């Protein structure tokens, strides 16, 4: 999603046993954000949207 430009910035916070990340997604107003959310939920390791 970074390569396609869907995700432009992200932060990785390390702590505990596994790395965690807070991702802020900025999408063009013509993009259906529910479709972006759906794609994110299908990624391995995603806990919350």
N, C-alpha and C. Protein backbone atom coordinates (compact mmCIF):
# COMPACT_ATOMS: atom_id res chain seq x y z
N UNK A 1 0.82 -1.18 0.00
CA UNK A 1 0.00 0.00 0.00
C UNK A 1 0.87 1.25 0.00
N UNK A 2 2.10 1.13 0.48
CA UNK A 2 3.02 2.26 0.41
C UNK A 2 3.41 2.50 -1.05
N UNK A 3 3.72 1.42 -1.77
CA UNK A 3 4.13 1.54 -3.17
C UNK A 3 3.05 2.16 -4.05
N UNK A 4 1.79 1.86 -3.75
CA UNK A 4 0.70 2.40 -4.57
C UNK A 4 0.31 3.81 -4.16
N UNK A 5 0.87 4.29 -3.02
CA UNK A 5 0.56 5.63 -2.57
C UNK A 5 -0.63 5.71 -1.63
N UNK A 6 -1.24 4.56 -1.30
CA UNK A 6 -2.37 4.57 -0.39
C UNK A 6 -1.92 4.98 1.00
N UNK A 7 -0.79 4.44 1.45
CA UNK A 7 -0.19 4.84 2.72
C UNK A 7 1.02 5.71 2.40
N UNK A 8 1.04 6.92 2.94
CA UNK A 8 2.15 7.83 2.65
C UNK A 8 3.08 8.02 3.84
N UNK A 9 2.59 7.81 5.06
CA UNK A 9 3.42 7.97 6.26
C UNK A 9 3.02 6.92 7.28
N UNK A 10 3.98 6.46 8.05
CA UNK A 10 3.66 5.57 9.14
C UNK A 10 4.74 5.64 10.20
N UNK A 11 4.40 5.23 11.40
CA UNK A 11 5.32 5.23 12.54
C UNK A 11 5.36 3.83 13.13
N UNK A 12 6.55 3.35 13.43
CA UNK A 12 6.70 2.06 14.09
C UNK A 12 7.17 2.31 15.51
N UNK A 13 6.45 1.78 16.47
CA UNK A 13 6.83 1.90 17.87
C UNK A 13 7.22 0.51 18.37
N UNK A 14 8.44 0.37 18.84
CA UNK A 14 8.89 -0.92 19.34
C UNK A 14 8.75 -0.98 20.85
N UNK A 15 8.30 -2.09 21.34
CA UNK A 15 8.16 -2.29 22.77
C UNK A 15 7.60 -3.67 23.03
N UNK A 16 7.94 -4.23 24.14
CA UNK A 16 7.46 -5.57 24.43
C UNK A 16 8.15 -6.58 23.54
N UNK A 17 7.47 -7.66 23.27
CA UNK A 17 8.06 -8.74 22.48
C UNK A 17 7.94 -8.54 20.98
N UNK A 18 6.94 -7.83 20.56
CA UNK A 18 6.71 -7.67 19.12
C UNK A 18 6.58 -6.19 18.79
N UNK A 19 7.06 -5.80 17.60
CA UNK A 19 6.88 -4.40 17.20
C UNK A 19 5.41 -4.09 16.96
N UNK A 20 5.03 -2.87 17.24
CA UNK A 20 3.68 -2.40 16.97
C UNK A 20 3.79 -1.14 16.15
N UNK A 21 2.76 -0.82 15.40
CA UNK A 21 2.80 0.37 14.55
C UNK A 21 1.49 1.13 14.65
N UNK A 22 1.61 2.43 14.59
CA UNK A 22 0.46 3.31 14.48
C UNK A 22 0.53 3.87 13.07
N UNK A 23 -0.48 3.60 12.26
CA UNK A 23 -0.47 4.02 10.87
C UNK A 23 -1.57 5.04 10.65
N UNK A 24 -1.21 6.19 10.13
CA UNK A 24 -2.18 7.20 9.75
C UNK A 24 -2.33 7.14 8.24
N UNK A 25 -3.53 6.93 7.77
CA UNK A 25 -3.78 6.78 6.34
C UNK A 25 -4.47 8.04 5.83
N UNK A 26 -3.89 8.62 4.80
CA UNK A 26 -4.50 9.76 4.14
C UNK A 26 -4.91 9.32 2.74
N UNK A 27 -6.16 9.51 2.42
CA UNK A 27 -6.67 9.07 1.12
C UNK A 27 -7.29 10.24 0.38
N UNK A 28 -7.18 10.20 -0.92
CA UNK A 28 -7.82 11.19 -1.78
C UNK A 28 -9.33 11.14 -1.53
N UNK A 29 -9.98 12.27 -1.61
CA UNK A 29 -11.42 12.33 -1.32
C UNK A 29 -12.26 11.51 -2.29
N UNK A 30 -11.69 11.14 -3.43
CA UNK A 30 -12.44 10.32 -4.39
C UNK A 30 -12.36 8.83 -4.07
N UNK A 31 -11.51 8.45 -3.10
CA UNK A 31 -11.34 7.04 -2.74
C UNK A 31 -12.34 6.68 -1.65
N UNK A 32 -12.98 5.53 -1.81
CA UNK A 32 -13.91 5.02 -0.80
C UNK A 32 -13.09 4.49 0.37
N UNK A 33 -13.10 5.21 1.49
CA UNK A 33 -12.26 4.84 2.63
C UNK A 33 -12.67 3.51 3.26
N UNK A 34 -13.90 3.09 3.06
CA UNK A 34 -14.30 1.79 3.58
C UNK A 34 -13.56 0.67 2.85
N UNK A 35 -13.24 0.88 1.58
CA UNK A 35 -12.46 -0.11 0.82
C UNK A 35 -11.02 -0.15 1.32
N UNK A 36 -10.47 1.00 1.69
CA UNK A 36 -9.12 1.05 2.26
C UNK A 36 -9.12 0.29 3.58
N UNK A 37 -10.12 0.54 4.43
CA UNK A 37 -10.22 -0.16 5.72
C UNK A 37 -10.33 -1.66 5.52
N UNK A 38 -11.11 -2.08 4.55
CA UNK A 38 -11.28 -3.50 4.28
C UNK A 38 -9.95 -4.15 3.89
N UNK A 39 -9.18 -3.47 3.04
CA UNK A 39 -7.87 -4.00 2.65
C UNK A 39 -6.94 -4.09 3.85
N UNK A 40 -6.99 -3.08 4.72
CA UNK A 40 -6.12 -3.09 5.90
C UNK A 40 -6.47 -4.24 6.84
N UNK A 41 -7.75 -4.54 7.00
CA UNK A 41 -8.16 -5.62 7.91
C UNK A 41 -7.68 -6.98 7.43
N UNK A 42 -7.39 -7.11 6.15
CA UNK A 42 -6.94 -8.39 5.59
C UNK A 42 -5.43 -8.60 5.75
N UNK A 43 -4.71 -7.57 6.19
CA UNK A 43 -3.27 -7.70 6.38
C UNK A 43 -2.97 -8.46 7.67
N UNK A 44 -1.95 -9.31 7.62
CA UNK A 44 -1.55 -10.09 8.78
C UNK A 44 -1.07 -9.18 9.91
N UNK A 45 -1.57 -9.41 11.11
CA UNK A 45 -1.11 -8.67 12.27
C UNK A 45 -1.87 -7.41 12.59
N UNK A 46 -2.85 -7.04 11.77
CA UNK A 46 -3.65 -5.85 12.04
C UNK A 46 -4.62 -6.15 13.18
N UNK A 47 -4.60 -5.32 14.21
CA UNK A 47 -5.46 -5.55 15.38
C UNK A 47 -6.69 -4.66 15.36
N UNK A 48 -6.52 -3.38 15.03
CA UNK A 48 -7.63 -2.42 15.08
C UNK A 48 -7.58 -1.50 13.88
N UNK A 49 -8.74 -1.11 13.42
CA UNK A 49 -8.86 -0.13 12.33
C UNK A 49 -9.67 1.03 12.87
